[in-house]
Each structure stands twice: as structure tokens, then as C-alpha cells.
Amino acid sequence: MHKQADPVHPFLSVGDLKPGDSARVREVAGGRGIQQRMSMFGIRRGTDIRVVHGPGKRGAILQVGGARIALGWGLIQRIAVELLGTESPNTGAQV
């Protein structure tokens, strides 16, 4: 089950998602270096991502556009997202 966003913290982090979840990036917390690094990976405000594997203590593998990107736990906790839905593993259709 997903951790629920609350009025004080309206968004979830990637670390709160499950494999197969799709989400839209709302914010990347951190300084200029983190912002620039995430932007180079294609992870910026408004980008849709999908969790391929994880998240776990060691991080997660995200699908961003046509690429799969492995990020560590510290970075996935900095990415605030809005949950879009999940895909059926058999059909890829939204459920």
C-alpha cells in the first residue's frame, strides 16, 4: 500500500512508490549540482517516470522516456512525485 500524501507534504517521494507505478515529477530537492545531475538524466519537473525495480534500501531503477536509470536511495528520496497510476504487467494498460 502507498504512503498517503498529506496536506503538509502533498507529494510522495520515489521511495514511496512500488514497482510498476507511474508518477509525474513535481520537485527535485537539492542544490544546483543535484538539479543539474537529475536534469542530465531527464528527471525534471513535469517528467513522467515509471518504477521498473525497487525501491529498496539500495535504490530503484526508473524508466524515464526510453531510458532506464538506476538511482541510489538518497537520490530517490529527493524526487517528489505525484502518483499517476499503475500498469498491468501483462497488457501495459492503465488500471
N, C-alpha and C. Protein backbone atom coordinates (compact mmCIF):
# COMPACT_ATOMS: atom_id res chain seq x y z
N MET A 1 0.84 -1.18 0.00
CA MET A 1 0.00 0.00 0.00
C MET A 1 0.89 1.24 0.00
N HIS A 2 0.42 2.27 -0.69
CA HIS A 2 1.19 3.50 -0.78
C HIS A 2 1.05 4.33 0.48
N LYS A 3 2.14 4.99 0.80
CA LYS A 3 2.07 6.02 1.83
C LYS A 3 1.22 7.15 1.25
N GLN A 4 0.30 7.67 2.03
CA GLN A 4 -0.59 8.73 1.56
C GLN A 4 0.07 10.09 1.71
N ALA A 5 -0.10 10.93 0.68
CA ALA A 5 0.35 12.31 0.78
C ALA A 5 -0.59 13.03 1.74
N ASP A 6 -0.06 13.97 2.50
CA ASP A 6 -0.90 14.73 3.42
C ASP A 6 -0.86 16.21 3.04
N PRO A 7 -1.74 17.03 3.61
CA PRO A 7 -1.80 18.44 3.24
C PRO A 7 -0.49 19.19 3.48
N VAL A 8 0.26 18.79 4.49
CA VAL A 8 1.52 19.47 4.79
C VAL A 8 2.60 19.07 3.77
N HIS A 9 2.61 17.78 3.40
CA HIS A 9 3.56 17.25 2.42
C HIS A 9 2.74 16.62 1.29
N PRO A 10 2.30 17.43 0.32
CA PRO A 10 1.34 16.95 -0.67
C PRO A 10 1.86 15.91 -1.66
N PHE A 11 3.17 15.72 -1.76
CA PHE A 11 3.71 14.79 -2.73
C PHE A 11 4.42 13.64 -2.04
N LEU A 12 4.51 12.53 -2.74
CA LEU A 12 5.27 11.36 -2.29
C LEU A 12 6.67 11.46 -2.86
N SER A 13 7.60 10.67 -2.33
CA SER A 13 8.92 10.56 -2.96
C SER A 13 8.93 9.27 -3.78
N VAL A 14 9.90 9.14 -4.66
CA VAL A 14 10.03 7.92 -5.45
C VAL A 14 10.20 6.72 -4.51
N GLY A 15 10.81 6.92 -3.36
CA GLY A 15 10.99 5.85 -2.39
C GLY A 15 9.68 5.30 -1.83
N ASP A 16 8.58 6.03 -1.99
CA ASP A 16 7.27 5.59 -1.51
C ASP A 16 6.49 4.78 -2.54
N LEU A 17 7.01 4.69 -3.75
CA LEU A 17 6.31 4.01 -4.83
C LEU A 17 6.61 2.51 -4.85
N LYS A 18 5.86 1.78 -5.69
CA LYS A 18 6.05 0.34 -5.87
C LYS A 18 6.42 0.07 -7.31
N PRO A 19 7.01 -1.10 -7.60
CA PRO A 19 7.31 -1.45 -8.99
C PRO A 19 6.05 -1.38 -9.86
N GLY A 20 6.18 -0.78 -11.03
CA GLY A 20 5.06 -0.63 -11.95
C GLY A 20 4.33 0.69 -11.80
N ASP A 21 4.55 1.42 -10.71
CA ASP A 21 3.88 2.70 -10.51
C ASP A 21 4.41 3.74 -11.49
N SER A 22 3.51 4.56 -11.98
CA SER A 22 3.88 5.70 -12.82
C SER A 22 3.59 6.97 -12.04
N ALA A 23 4.45 7.95 -12.22
CA ALA A 23 4.31 9.20 -11.47
C ALA A 23 4.86 10.36 -12.29
N ARG A 24 4.46 11.56 -11.91
CA ARG A 24 4.97 12.78 -12.53
C ARG A 24 5.84 13.51 -11.52
N VAL A 25 7.02 13.89 -11.95
CA VAL A 25 7.94 14.61 -11.06
C VAL A 25 7.39 16.00 -10.78
N ARG A 26 7.33 16.34 -9.50
CA ARG A 26 6.85 17.66 -9.08
C ARG A 26 7.98 18.55 -8.59
N GLU A 27 9.02 17.93 -8.03
CA GLU A 27 10.13 18.72 -7.49
C GLU A 27 11.32 17.81 -7.28
N VAL A 28 12.51 18.36 -7.50
CA VAL A 28 13.75 17.67 -7.15
C VAL A 28 14.43 18.54 -6.10
N ALA A 29 14.53 18.03 -4.88
CA ALA A 29 15.14 18.78 -3.79
C ALA A 29 16.65 18.68 -3.87
N GLY A 30 17.33 19.75 -3.58
CA GLY A 30 18.78 19.73 -3.57
C GLY A 30 19.35 20.98 -4.21
N GLY A 31 20.65 21.06 -4.15
CA GLY A 31 21.36 22.20 -4.69
C GLY A 31 21.52 22.14 -6.19
N ARG A 32 22.29 23.06 -6.70
CA ARG A 32 22.48 23.17 -8.14
C ARG A 32 23.08 21.91 -8.75
N GLY A 33 24.01 21.27 -8.03
CA GLY A 33 24.64 20.06 -8.55
C GLY A 33 23.65 18.92 -8.71
N ILE A 34 22.80 18.72 -7.71
CA ILE A 34 21.78 17.66 -7.78
C ILE A 34 20.79 17.98 -8.90
N GLN A 35 20.35 19.24 -8.97
CA GLN A 35 19.40 19.65 -10.00
C GLN A 35 19.97 19.39 -11.40
N GLN A 36 21.23 19.74 -11.58
CA GLN A 36 21.88 19.58 -12.87
C GLN A 36 22.04 18.10 -13.22
N ARG A 37 22.44 17.30 -12.25
CA ARG A 37 22.62 15.86 -12.47
C ARG A 37 21.29 15.20 -12.86
N MET A 38 20.23 15.51 -12.13
CA MET A 38 18.92 14.93 -12.43
C MET A 38 18.42 15.39 -13.80
N SER A 39 18.67 16.65 -14.13
CA SER A 39 18.28 17.18 -15.43
C SER A 39 18.99 16.44 -16.56
N MET A 40 20.26 16.10 -16.34
CA MET A 40 21.02 15.35 -17.35
C MET A 40 20.43 13.95 -17.56
N PHE A 41 19.83 13.39 -16.51
CA PHE A 41 19.16 12.09 -16.62
C PHE A 41 17.76 12.22 -17.20
N GLY A 42 17.29 13.45 -17.40
CA GLY A 42 15.94 13.67 -17.92
C GLY A 42 14.90 13.77 -16.83
N ILE A 43 15.33 13.83 -15.56
CA ILE A 43 14.41 13.91 -14.44
C ILE A 43 14.31 15.36 -14.01
N ARG A 44 13.19 15.99 -14.41
CA ARG A 44 12.94 17.39 -14.06
C ARG A 44 11.45 17.55 -13.86
N ARG A 45 11.04 18.67 -13.32
CA ARG A 45 9.63 18.93 -13.03
C ARG A 45 8.78 18.68 -14.28
N GLY A 46 7.69 17.91 -14.10
CA GLY A 46 6.77 17.63 -15.19
C GLY A 46 7.06 16.35 -15.96
N THR A 47 8.21 15.72 -15.72
CA THR A 47 8.58 14.50 -16.41
C THR A 47 7.83 13.31 -15.82
N ASP A 48 7.30 12.44 -16.69
CA ASP A 48 6.67 11.21 -16.23
C ASP A 48 7.73 10.13 -16.10
N ILE A 49 7.66 9.39 -14.99
CA ILE A 49 8.59 8.29 -14.74
C ILE A 49 7.80 7.05 -14.37
N ARG A 50 8.46 5.88 -14.48
CA ARG A 50 7.85 4.63 -14.06
C ARG A 50 8.89 3.84 -13.28
N VAL A 51 8.48 3.24 -12.17
CA VAL A 51 9.38 2.42 -11.36
C VAL A 51 9.46 1.04 -11.99
N VAL A 52 10.67 0.65 -12.40
CA VAL A 52 10.89 -0.66 -13.01
C VAL A 52 11.25 -1.69 -11.94
N HIS A 53 12.11 -1.30 -11.02
CA HIS A 53 12.56 -2.21 -9.96
C HIS A 53 12.80 -1.42 -8.68
N GLY A 54 12.43 -2.02 -7.56
CA GLY A 54 12.61 -1.34 -6.28
C GLY A 54 11.36 -0.56 -5.96
N PRO A 55 11.41 0.46 -5.22
CA PRO A 55 12.59 0.93 -4.50
C PRO A 55 12.89 0.05 -3.29
N GLY A 56 14.14 0.01 -2.96
CA GLY A 56 14.61 -0.72 -1.80
C GLY A 56 15.70 0.07 -1.11
N LYS A 57 16.35 -0.56 -0.17
CA LYS A 57 17.42 0.12 0.58
C LYS A 57 18.55 0.59 -0.32
N ARG A 58 18.73 -0.08 -1.45
CA ARG A 58 19.83 0.27 -2.34
C ARG A 58 19.42 1.23 -3.45
N GLY A 59 18.12 1.55 -3.56
CA GLY A 59 17.69 2.48 -4.59
C GLY A 59 16.61 1.90 -5.46
N ALA A 60 16.53 2.40 -6.70
CA ALA A 60 15.48 1.98 -7.63
C ALA A 60 15.97 2.13 -9.06
N ILE A 61 15.32 1.41 -9.96
CA ILE A 61 15.54 1.59 -11.39
C ILE A 61 14.28 2.24 -11.93
N LEU A 62 14.46 3.39 -12.58
CA LEU A 62 13.35 4.17 -13.11
C LEU A 62 13.40 4.17 -14.63
N GLN A 63 12.24 4.18 -15.25
CA GLN A 63 12.17 4.39 -16.69
C GLN A 63 11.81 5.84 -16.90
N VAL A 64 12.67 6.53 -17.64
CA VAL A 64 12.47 7.95 -17.96
C VAL A 64 12.56 8.04 -19.47
N GLY A 65 11.41 8.27 -20.11
CA GLY A 65 11.40 8.24 -21.57
C GLY A 65 11.75 6.82 -22.01
N GLY A 66 12.72 6.68 -22.88
CA GLY A 66 13.13 5.37 -23.35
C GLY A 66 14.30 4.78 -22.59
N ALA A 67 14.77 5.47 -21.57
CA ALA A 67 15.96 5.02 -20.83
C ALA A 67 15.58 4.48 -19.45
N ARG A 68 16.39 3.54 -18.97
CA ARG A 68 16.27 3.05 -17.60
C ARG A 68 17.46 3.57 -16.82
N ILE A 69 17.17 4.14 -15.65
CA ILE A 69 18.20 4.79 -14.86
C ILE A 69 18.18 4.23 -13.45
N ALA A 70 19.35 3.82 -12.95
CA ALA A 70 19.48 3.34 -11.57
C ALA A 70 19.92 4.50 -10.69
N LEU A 71 19.15 4.73 -9.62
CA LEU A 71 19.47 5.80 -8.68
C LEU A 71 19.51 5.23 -7.27
N GLY A 72 20.42 5.74 -6.45
CA GLY A 72 20.54 5.30 -5.07
C GLY A 72 19.44 5.85 -4.19
N TRP A 73 19.35 5.28 -2.98
CA TRP A 73 18.30 5.65 -2.03
C TRP A 73 18.28 7.15 -1.73
N GLY A 74 19.43 7.75 -1.52
CA GLY A 74 19.49 9.17 -1.19
C GLY A 74 18.89 10.05 -2.28
N LEU A 75 19.14 9.70 -3.54
CA LEU A 75 18.60 10.49 -4.64
C LEU A 75 17.10 10.27 -4.83
N ILE A 76 16.63 9.03 -4.70
CA ILE A 76 15.20 8.81 -4.93
C ILE A 76 14.35 9.47 -3.84
N GLN A 77 14.94 9.68 -2.67
CA GLN A 77 14.20 10.37 -1.61
C GLN A 77 14.07 11.87 -1.90
N ARG A 78 14.89 12.40 -2.78
CA ARG A 78 14.85 13.83 -3.11
C ARG A 78 13.87 14.16 -4.23
N ILE A 79 13.33 13.13 -4.88
CA ILE A 79 12.43 13.36 -6.01
C ILE A 79 10.99 13.26 -5.54
N ALA A 80 10.30 14.41 -5.49
CA ALA A 80 8.89 14.45 -5.09
C ALA A 80 8.03 14.20 -6.33
N VAL A 81 7.06 13.29 -6.20
CA VAL A 81 6.24 12.89 -7.33
C VAL A 81 4.76 12.90 -6.98
N GLU A 82 3.96 12.92 -8.03
CA GLU A 82 2.51 12.77 -7.92
C GLU A 82 2.16 11.47 -8.63
N LEU A 83 1.52 10.55 -7.94
CA LEU A 83 1.18 9.24 -8.47
C LEU A 83 0.18 9.38 -9.61
N LEU A 84 0.47 8.72 -10.75
CA LEU A 84 -0.43 8.76 -11.90
C LEU A 84 -1.28 7.50 -11.99
N GLY A 85 -0.74 6.37 -11.62
CA GLY A 85 -1.44 5.09 -11.74
C GLY A 85 -0.44 3.99 -11.94
N THR A 86 -0.93 2.78 -12.08
CA THR A 86 -0.06 1.64 -12.32
C THR A 86 -0.45 0.98 -13.62
N GLU A 87 0.46 0.21 -14.17
CA GLU A 87 0.19 -0.52 -15.40
C GLU A 87 0.06 -1.99 -15.08
N SER A 88 -0.83 -2.64 -15.80
CA SER A 88 -0.95 -4.08 -15.69
C SER A 88 0.31 -4.70 -16.26
N PRO A 89 0.96 -5.65 -15.54
CA PRO A 89 2.18 -6.25 -16.06
C PRO A 89 1.98 -7.05 -17.33
N ASN A 90 0.76 -7.50 -17.60
CA ASN A 90 0.51 -8.34 -18.79
C ASN A 90 0.19 -7.51 -20.02
N THR A 91 -0.53 -6.41 -19.86
CA THR A 91 -1.00 -5.67 -21.03
C THR A 91 -0.37 -4.29 -21.16
N GLY A 92 0.15 -3.74 -20.09
CA GLY A 92 0.67 -2.38 -20.14
C GLY A 92 -0.43 -1.34 -20.05
N ALA A 93 -1.69 -1.81 -19.92
CA ALA A 93 -2.83 -0.89 -19.85
C ALA A 93 -2.93 -0.29 -18.46
N GLN A 94 -3.43 0.92 -18.39
CA GLN A 94 -3.65 1.58 -17.10
C GLN A 94 -4.76 0.86 -16.35
N VAL A 95 -4.53 0.64 -15.05
CA VAL A 95 -5.56 0.02 -14.20
C VAL A 95 -5.93 0.94 -13.08
